[in-house]
Amino acid sequence: MNASAPTLDGTEDHPHARMVLGAALATGAPSHAYLFHGPPGTGKRTAARALAAELLSEGEPDPDAARARVRAGTHPDLTWVRPTGAHVMRVSDVDEPVVAAAARTPFEASRRVFVLERADTMNDEVANRMLKTLEEPAPYVHLVLLTDALGQMLETVVSRCQLVRFDTLPADRIEAILVGEGVDATPARACARLALGNLTRARYLASDDGRSLRGDVERLVREALAGDGRDPRQGEPWAGLLTRAEARRAAAEEEVARAASERLELEPRGRDRSAIEREFDETAKRDGRRARTEVLDLGLELAALTFRDLVCVEEGAEAAVLATDRSADLAEAARGRDARRLREAAERCEDARQSLELNVTEELALSALSLRLGRLVGSAA
């Protein structure tokens, strides 16, 4: 590697990350433990994979082929770890896949790279298992830890890593990216503002599924504002949100099932495949549960932001509105509303988000939220 090392994908909008990683690649002296931190959707995963591609392609007779396998997730010297617990990384997530594997020499490259997502979910037990690997790694080992919540990381882990900062993306930058990807200007601006610096979220909101989710959320808010005037024949106002979450769960499980089928086809005949099947079954359940929760979490956050926008309109701060493509509807809905009650409604949506993290019954939480919102901001309130 030399001074002509390219800018890594995912670091284009992050000067600190670009400087730290670019210098490491240019000098050929990358750290053995990095901690990528910053808000979600800012490019940390993309940058981690790009860094792994450069590290594992160095010295290879066909570096482009090595990079392609890293991008495809098929390089044998790249290990990508995601927590298997709903809210915690388990010892089994790192014991064999990282700690034990880091003591073994690479399969074909001159290095081994381990990427650990959601490193903030490490508890003391997991961190203690990782400490020796972080402190005294083999010379061929490189660890890249990712977190959206640096403040929740254990100091014993943070102190042993080189920090690489990823900043929140400004709305105008996200808007430009969406427009460049073919999204019309009006929805691109709204999605960029609603994403709160998260490019991944902005892209989702601009998709067909994202637009439908916004429709589900708008119905929930509209029904709350109508109070007793809502049409009972339309069913529960939160039903669409729950149905969409369930569909995302099923889609995530189907994706894992397809991957399992492809993997099993490559297994030699006669080999016991039950362990692989159990592994994929657990992965399907975990990914499905996470996908479902992510939809509900985003839906409730969008509901809170909608009430926030209504407050902005009611108080004459239209420039602060996020859903700029709904300005006319917001102006109509905000007319004559009590800004204090609208603020409280936004808080109730956030409370519901927090309750989902405690594994409460989703249907019960959404039903309770709908009733509270109707009493707070309904036409009869």
Protein backbone atom coordinates (compact mmCIF):
# COMPACT_ATOMS: atom_id res chain seq x y z
CA MET A 1 0.00 0.00 0.00
CA ASN A 2 1.27 3.49 -0.76
CA ALA A 3 0.43 7.18 -0.86
CA SER A 4 -1.91 6.60 -3.79
CA ALA A 5 -4.30 4.50 -1.67
CA PRO A 6 -7.88 5.37 -2.76
CA THR A 7 -10.55 6.95 -0.59
CA LEU A 8 -12.49 4.12 1.01
CA ASP A 9 -16.15 3.71 0.15
CA GLY A 10 -18.25 5.02 3.02
CA THR A 11 -15.73 7.70 4.09
CA GLU A 12 -16.39 10.27 1.36
CA ASP A 13 -18.43 12.52 3.70
CA HIS A 14 -16.38 11.89 6.83
CA PRO A 15 -13.08 13.83 6.99
CA HIS A 16 -11.84 12.19 10.20
CA ALA A 17 -12.48 8.65 8.97
CA ARG A 18 -10.99 9.46 5.58
CA MET A 19 -7.85 10.92 7.15
CA VAL A 20 -7.26 8.13 9.70
CA LEU A 21 -7.95 5.20 7.39
CA GLY A 22 -6.36 6.80 4.33
CA ALA A 23 -3.13 7.44 6.23
CA ALA A 24 -3.08 3.88 7.56
CA LEU A 25 -3.46 2.40 4.10
CA ALA A 26 -0.98 4.79 2.53
CA THR A 27 1.74 3.94 5.05
CA GLY A 28 0.92 0.24 5.19
CA ALA A 29 0.55 0.38 8.97
CA PRO A 30 -3.13 -0.14 9.81
CA SER A 31 -4.17 -0.46 13.45
CA HIS A 32 -4.99 -3.88 14.84
CA ALA A 33 -8.19 -2.59 16.47
CA TYR A 34 -10.47 0.16 15.16
CA LEU A 35 -13.71 1.43 16.66
CA PHE A 36 -15.96 3.06 14.05
CA HIS A 37 -18.50 5.24 15.86
CA GLY A 38 -21.23 7.63 14.79
CA PRO A 39 -24.97 7.81 14.07
CA PRO A 40 -26.67 4.96 12.20
CA GLY A 41 -26.77 5.07 8.44
CA THR A 42 -23.62 7.14 8.02
CA GLY A 43 -21.48 4.56 6.21
CA LYS A 44 -19.69 2.64 8.98
CA ARG A 45 -20.55 -0.80 7.59
CA THR A 46 -19.64 0.24 4.05
CA ALA A 47 -16.32 1.62 5.25
CA ALA A 48 -15.60 -1.51 7.33
CA ARG A 49 -16.13 -3.75 4.32
CA ALA A 50 -14.02 -1.47 2.11
CA LEU A 51 -11.21 -1.48 4.68
CA ALA A 52 -11.40 -5.27 4.90
CA ALA A 53 -11.19 -5.47 1.11
CA GLU A 54 -7.99 -3.43 1.06
CA LEU A 55 -6.40 -5.34 3.93
CA LEU A 56 -7.18 -8.76 2.48
CA SER A 57 -6.21 -7.89 -1.10
CA GLU A 58 -2.72 -6.62 -0.24
CA GLY A 59 -0.08 -8.83 -1.76
CA GLU A 60 -2.60 -11.03 -3.54
CA PRO A 61 -1.88 -12.04 -7.17
CA ASP A 62 -5.39 -10.91 -8.13
CA PRO A 63 -6.32 -8.12 -5.68
CA ASP A 64 -9.51 -7.20 -7.53
CA ALA A 65 -10.82 -10.75 -7.15
CA ALA A 66 -10.03 -10.66 -3.43
CA ARG A 67 -11.89 -7.37 -3.05
CA ALA A 68 -14.87 -8.78 -4.94
CA ARG A 69 -15.08 -11.75 -2.56
CA VAL A 70 -14.94 -9.43 0.45
CA ARG A 71 -17.78 -7.37 -0.99
CA ALA A 72 -19.74 -10.58 -1.59
CA GLY A 73 -19.05 -11.79 1.95
CA THR A 74 -17.34 -14.98 0.74
CA HIS A 75 -13.69 -14.32 1.60
CA PRO A 76 -12.54 -16.98 4.12
CA ASP A 77 -10.35 -14.52 6.05
CA LEU A 78 -13.19 -12.09 6.76
CA THR A 79 -15.42 -12.82 9.76
CA TRP A 80 -18.49 -10.61 10.23
CA VAL A 81 -20.17 -10.86 13.62
CA ARG A 82 -23.67 -9.68 14.48
CA PRO A 83 -25.05 -10.07 18.03
CA THR A 84 -27.43 -13.00 18.32
CA GLY A 85 -29.19 -11.59 21.37
CA ALA A 86 -32.04 -9.14 20.91
CA HIS A 87 -30.24 -6.48 22.95
CA VAL A 88 -26.92 -8.07 23.91
CA MET A 89 -23.91 -9.71 22.35
CA ARG A 90 -23.40 -13.22 23.70
CA VAL A 91 -20.14 -14.90 24.66
CA SER A 92 -20.81 -17.50 21.96
CA ASP A 93 -20.85 -14.68 19.38
CA VAL A 94 -17.15 -14.00 19.96
CA ASP A 95 -15.69 -17.09 21.66
CA GLU A 96 -15.11 -19.34 18.65
CA PRO A 97 -15.78 -16.91 15.76
CA VAL A 98 -13.32 -14.26 17.00
CA VAL A 99 -11.20 -15.19 20.04
CA ALA A 100 -10.36 -18.72 18.93
CA ALA A 101 -10.24 -17.91 15.22
CA ALA A 102 -7.86 -14.98 15.82
CA ALA A 103 -5.28 -17.45 17.13
CA ARG A 104 -5.29 -19.34 13.84
CA THR A 105 -3.34 -18.24 10.78
CA PRO A 106 -5.15 -16.88 7.71
CA PHE A 107 -6.61 -19.30 5.18
CA GLU A 108 -5.15 -17.60 2.11
CA ALA A 109 -4.48 -13.88 2.66
CA SER A 110 -1.71 -12.40 4.77
CA ARG A 111 -4.27 -11.10 7.28
CA ARG A 112 -7.52 -11.99 9.04
CA VAL A 113 -10.19 -9.31 9.54
CA PHE A 114 -12.96 -9.47 12.13
CA VAL A 115 -15.85 -6.97 12.01
CA LEU A 116 -18.17 -6.79 15.02
CA GLU A 117 -21.44 -4.89 14.65
CA ARG A 118 -23.26 -3.23 17.56
CA ALA A 119 -20.20 -3.46 19.77
CA ASP A 120 -22.04 -1.39 22.40
CA THR A 121 -24.10 -4.50 23.20
CA MET A 122 -21.04 -6.20 24.71
CA ASN A 123 -21.46 -6.86 28.41
CA ASP A 124 -18.58 -7.31 30.89
CA GLU A 125 -18.38 -11.05 30.25
CA VAL A 126 -18.05 -10.64 26.49
CA ALA A 127 -15.58 -7.76 26.88
CA ASN A 128 -13.41 -9.82 29.21
CA ARG A 129 -13.29 -12.62 26.63
CA MET A 130 -12.20 -10.07 23.99
CA LEU A 131 -9.58 -8.17 26.00
CA LYS A 132 -6.56 -10.34 25.27
CA THR A 133 -7.40 -10.39 21.56
CA LEU A 134 -7.70 -6.60 21.61
CA GLU A 135 -4.53 -6.08 23.67
CA GLU A 136 -2.20 -8.67 22.14
CA PRO A 137 -3.54 -9.69 18.74
CA ALA A 138 -1.51 -11.83 16.40
CA PRO A 139 0.32 -9.63 13.86
CA TYR A 140 -2.03 -10.72 11.09
CA VAL A 141 -5.25 -9.87 13.01
CA HIS A 142 -7.30 -6.71 12.47
CA LEU A 143 -10.51 -6.02 14.40
CA VAL A 144 -13.10 -3.42 13.38
CA LEU A 145 -15.80 -2.69 15.94
CA LEU A 146 -18.91 -0.72 14.93
CA THR A 147 -21.23 1.24 17.19
CA ASP A 148 -24.02 3.78 16.89
CA ALA A 149 -23.71 4.57 20.61
CA LEU A 150 -20.16 5.33 21.71
CA GLY A 151 -21.39 6.46 25.13
CA GLN A 152 -22.69 2.95 25.83
CA MET A 153 -19.38 1.26 25.04
CA LEU A 154 -17.35 -0.24 27.87
CA GLU A 155 -14.27 1.88 28.54
CA THR A 156 -12.11 -1.24 28.74
CA VAL A 157 -12.91 -1.87 25.06
CA VAL A 158 -12.78 1.75 23.88
CA SER A 159 -9.34 2.33 25.38
CA ARG A 160 -7.87 -0.52 23.35
CA CYS A 161 -9.12 0.69 19.97
CA GLN A 162 -8.27 3.52 17.61
CA LEU A 163 -11.38 5.66 17.30
CA VAL A 164 -12.68 6.54 13.84
CA ARG A 165 -15.49 9.09 13.80
CA PHE A 166 -18.40 9.12 11.33
CA ASP A 167 -20.40 12.33 11.46
CA THR A 168 -24.12 12.88 10.96
CA LEU A 169 -24.82 13.54 7.30
CA PRO A 170 -26.45 16.93 6.62
CA ALA A 171 -29.91 16.82 5.08
CA ASP A 172 -28.84 18.63 1.93
CA ARG A 173 -26.12 16.04 1.31
CA ILE A 174 -28.58 13.17 1.74
CA GLU A 175 -31.05 14.98 -0.52
CA ALA A 176 -28.39 15.31 -3.22
CA ILE A 177 -27.56 11.61 -2.97
CA LEU A 178 -31.23 10.62 -3.30
CA VAL A 179 -31.75 12.90 -6.29
CA GLY A 180 -28.62 11.44 -7.86
CA GLU A 181 -30.16 7.99 -7.39
CA GLY A 182 -33.31 9.02 -9.27
CA VAL A 183 -35.64 10.17 -6.48
CA ASP A 184 -37.76 13.20 -7.38
CA ALA A 185 -36.69 16.43 -5.70
CA THR A 186 -39.78 16.96 -3.53
CA PRO A 187 -39.85 13.55 -1.80
CA ALA A 188 -36.02 13.51 -1.71
CA ARG A 189 -35.99 16.67 0.39
CA ALA A 190 -38.63 15.37 2.80
CA CYS A 191 -37.01 11.95 3.17
CA ALA A 192 -33.61 13.55 3.74
CA ARG A 193 -34.98 15.73 6.54
CA LEU A 194 -37.01 12.95 8.14
CA ALA A 195 -33.98 10.65 8.11
CA LEU A 196 -32.20 12.81 10.73
CA GLY A 197 -28.79 12.22 9.17
CA ASN A 198 -29.31 8.51 8.41
CA LEU A 199 -28.77 7.81 4.70
CA THR A 200 -29.96 4.22 5.01
CA ARG A 201 -33.23 5.42 6.50
CA ALA A 202 -33.62 8.11 3.84
CA ARG A 203 -33.28 5.52 1.09
CA TYR A 204 -35.87 3.33 2.77
CA LEU A 205 -38.32 6.21 3.18
CA ALA A 206 -37.93 7.03 -0.50
CA SER A 207 -38.73 3.43 -1.50
CA ASP A 208 -42.18 2.04 -2.20
CA ASP A 209 -42.22 0.28 1.17
CA GLY A 210 -41.08 3.45 2.93
CA ARG A 211 -43.82 5.50 1.31
CA SER A 212 -46.35 2.92 2.40
CA LEU A 213 -45.02 3.01 5.95
CA ARG A 214 -45.43 6.78 5.99
CA GLY A 215 -49.02 6.25 4.88
CA ASP A 216 -49.61 3.86 7.80
CA VAL A 217 -48.17 6.42 10.21
CA GLU A 218 -50.20 9.25 8.74
CA ARG A 219 -53.35 7.23 9.21
CA LEU A 220 -52.47 6.64 12.87
CA VAL A 221 -51.97 10.38 13.40
CA ARG A 222 -55.04 11.33 11.36
CA GLU A 223 -57.27 8.99 13.34
CA ALA A 224 -55.87 10.37 16.61
CA LEU A 225 -56.64 13.91 15.52
CA ALA A 226 -60.17 12.86 14.57
CA GLY A 227 -60.75 11.41 18.04
CA ASP A 228 -64.28 10.06 18.38
CA GLY A 229 -64.94 11.18 14.82
CA ARG A 230 -62.93 8.40 13.22
CA ASP A 231 -64.67 5.76 11.15
CA PRO A 232 -64.80 2.49 13.17
CA ARG A 233 -65.36 0.50 9.97
CA GLN A 234 -61.76 1.20 9.00
CA GLY A 235 -60.46 -0.98 11.85
CA GLU A 236 -57.75 -0.12 14.32
CA PRO A 237 -55.60 2.82 13.14
CA TRP A 238 -52.39 0.99 14.01
CA ALA A 239 -53.28 -2.24 12.18
CA GLY A 240 -51.44 -1.26 8.99
CA LEU A 241 -48.24 -0.61 10.90
CA LEU A 242 -48.40 -4.00 12.59
CA THR A 243 -49.18 -5.77 9.30
CA ARG A 244 -46.21 -4.08 7.63
CA ALA A 245 -43.91 -5.10 10.48
CA GLU A 246 -45.06 -8.70 10.16
CA ALA A 247 -44.44 -8.62 6.40
CA ARG A 248 -40.89 -7.37 6.99
CA ARG A 249 -40.34 -10.18 9.50
CA ALA A 250 -41.48 -12.79 6.99
CA ALA A 251 -39.31 -11.29 4.24
CA ALA A 252 -36.23 -11.35 6.49
CA GLU A 253 -36.83 -14.99 7.39
CA GLU A 254 -37.32 -15.91 3.73
CA GLU A 255 -34.01 -14.25 2.85
CA VAL A 256 -32.22 -16.37 5.45
CA ALA A 257 -34.01 -19.48 4.16
CA ARG A 258 -32.72 -18.79 0.64
CA ALA A 259 -29.18 -18.38 1.96
CA ALA A 260 -29.54 -21.63 3.90
CA SER A 261 -30.70 -23.48 0.80
CA GLU A 262 -27.73 -22.20 -1.21
CA ARG A 263 -25.31 -23.16 1.56
CA LEU A 264 -26.75 -26.65 1.96
CA GLU A 265 -26.49 -27.30 -1.77
CA LEU A 266 -22.72 -26.87 -1.47
CA GLU A 267 -22.39 -29.32 1.43
CA PRO A 268 -21.00 -32.76 0.48
CA ARG A 269 -23.54 -35.54 0.37
CA GLY A 270 -23.64 -37.71 3.46
CA ARG A 271 -22.43 -35.00 5.83
CA ASP A 272 -24.63 -34.27 8.85
CA ARG A 273 -26.26 -30.97 8.00
CA SER A 274 -28.37 -30.62 11.14
CA ALA A 275 -25.95 -28.17 12.80
CA ILE A 276 -26.05 -25.88 9.76
CA GLU A 277 -29.84 -26.08 9.65
CA ARG A 278 -30.09 -25.18 13.35
CA GLU A 279 -27.73 -22.25 12.85
CA PHE A 280 -29.78 -20.87 9.98
CA ASP A 281 -33.02 -21.44 11.87
CA GLU A 282 -31.73 -19.35 14.77
CA THR A 283 -30.49 -16.70 12.35
CA ALA A 284 -33.90 -16.55 10.64
CA LYS A 285 -35.71 -16.04 13.92
CA ARG A 286 -33.25 -13.38 15.06
CA ASP A 287 -33.25 -11.47 11.76
CA GLY A 288 -37.03 -11.70 11.51
CA ARG A 289 -37.52 -10.39 15.01
CA ARG A 290 -35.10 -7.53 14.39
CA ALA A 291 -36.73 -6.58 11.08
CA ARG A 292 -40.18 -6.50 12.68
CA THR A 293 -38.96 -4.36 15.57
CA GLU A 294 -37.17 -1.96 13.24
CA VAL A 295 -40.38 -1.25 11.31
CA LEU A 296 -42.37 -0.60 14.46
CA ASP A 297 -39.60 1.56 15.91
CA LEU A 298 -39.34 3.66 12.76
CA GLY A 299 -43.11 3.96 12.49
CA LEU A 300 -43.42 5.29 16.03
CA GLU A 301 -40.53 7.70 15.50
CA LEU A 302 -42.20 9.02 12.36
CA ALA A 303 -45.43 9.47 14.32
CA ALA A 304 -43.54 11.50 16.92
CA LEU A 305 -41.94 13.59 14.18
CA THR A 306 -45.35 14.20 12.61
CA PHE A 307 -46.67 15.63 15.87
CA ARG A 308 -43.47 17.68 16.11
CA ASP A 309 -44.14 19.07 12.62
CA LEU A 310 -47.68 19.97 13.69
CA VAL A 311 -46.24 21.92 16.62
CA CYS A 312 -43.91 23.77 14.23
CA VAL A 313 -46.81 24.74 11.98
CA GLU A 314 -49.04 25.78 14.88
CA GLU A 315 -46.31 27.99 16.30
CA GLY A 316 -45.39 29.58 12.96
CA ALA A 317 -42.06 27.77 12.51
CA GLU A 318 -42.81 26.24 9.11
CA ALA A 319 -39.13 26.38 8.13
CA ALA A 320 -38.42 23.72 10.76
CA VAL A 321 -40.93 21.24 9.33
CA LEU A 322 -39.33 17.94 8.31
CA ALA A 323 -42.08 16.41 6.14
CA THR A 324 -41.89 19.23 3.61
CA ASP A 325 -43.89 17.23 1.07
CA ARG A 326 -46.87 17.25 3.46
CA SER A 327 -46.87 20.99 4.25
CA ALA A 328 -50.42 21.64 3.05
CA ASP A 329 -51.85 18.68 4.97
CA LEU A 330 -49.95 19.68 8.10
CA ALA A 331 -51.23 23.24 7.91
CA GLU A 332 -54.81 22.00 7.69
CA ALA A 333 -54.37 19.50 10.52
CA ALA A 334 -52.62 21.97 12.84
CA ARG A 335 -55.25 24.68 12.59
CA GLY A 336 -56.70 25.45 16.04
CA ARG A 337 -54.72 22.70 17.81
CA ASP A 338 -53.19 23.04 21.26
CA ALA A 339 -49.41 22.99 20.76
CA ARG A 340 -48.89 21.72 24.31
CA ARG A 341 -51.08 18.67 23.63
CA LEU A 342 -49.30 18.03 20.34
CA ARG A 343 -45.94 18.03 22.14
CA GLU A 344 -47.28 15.59 24.67
CA ALA A 345 -48.54 13.36 21.86
CA ALA A 346 -45.02 13.25 20.42
CA GLU A 347 -43.74 12.24 23.86
CA ARG A 348 -46.32 9.45 24.09
CA CYS A 349 -45.06 8.07 20.78
CA GLU A 350 -41.52 8.06 22.14
CA ASP A 351 -42.73 6.32 25.30
CA ALA A 352 -44.28 3.61 23.14
CA ARG A 353 -40.97 3.17 21.31
CA GLN A 354 -39.21 2.65 24.63
CA SER A 355 -41.82 0.14 25.77
CA LEU A 356 -41.16 -2.04 22.71
CA GLU A 357 -37.55 -2.43 23.86
CA LEU A 358 -38.90 -4.03 27.03
CA ASN A 359 -40.57 -6.77 24.95
CA VAL A 360 -44.12 -5.69 25.79
CA THR A 361 -46.95 -7.04 23.64
CA GLU A 362 -46.80 -4.95 20.48
CA GLU A 363 -50.55 -5.00 19.84
CA LEU A 364 -51.24 -3.92 23.41
CA ALA A 365 -48.66 -1.11 23.23
CA LEU A 366 -50.05 0.23 19.95
CA SER A 367 -53.64 -0.01 21.14
CA ALA A 368 -52.81 1.87 24.34
CA LEU A 369 -50.93 4.52 22.36
CA SER A 370 -53.86 5.01 19.98
CA LEU A 371 -56.25 5.57 22.89
CA ARG A 372 -53.91 8.02 24.60
CA LEU A 373 -53.34 9.99 21.42
CA GLY A 374 -57.09 10.23 20.76
CA ARG A 375 -57.72 11.57 24.24
CA LEU A 376 -54.88 14.06 23.94
CA VAL A 377 -55.36 15.58 20.51
CA GLY A 378 -58.72 14.26 19.25
CA SER A 379 -61.33 16.71 18.07
CA ALA A 380 -63.23 16.21 21.32
CA ALA A 381 -60.13 16.78 23.48
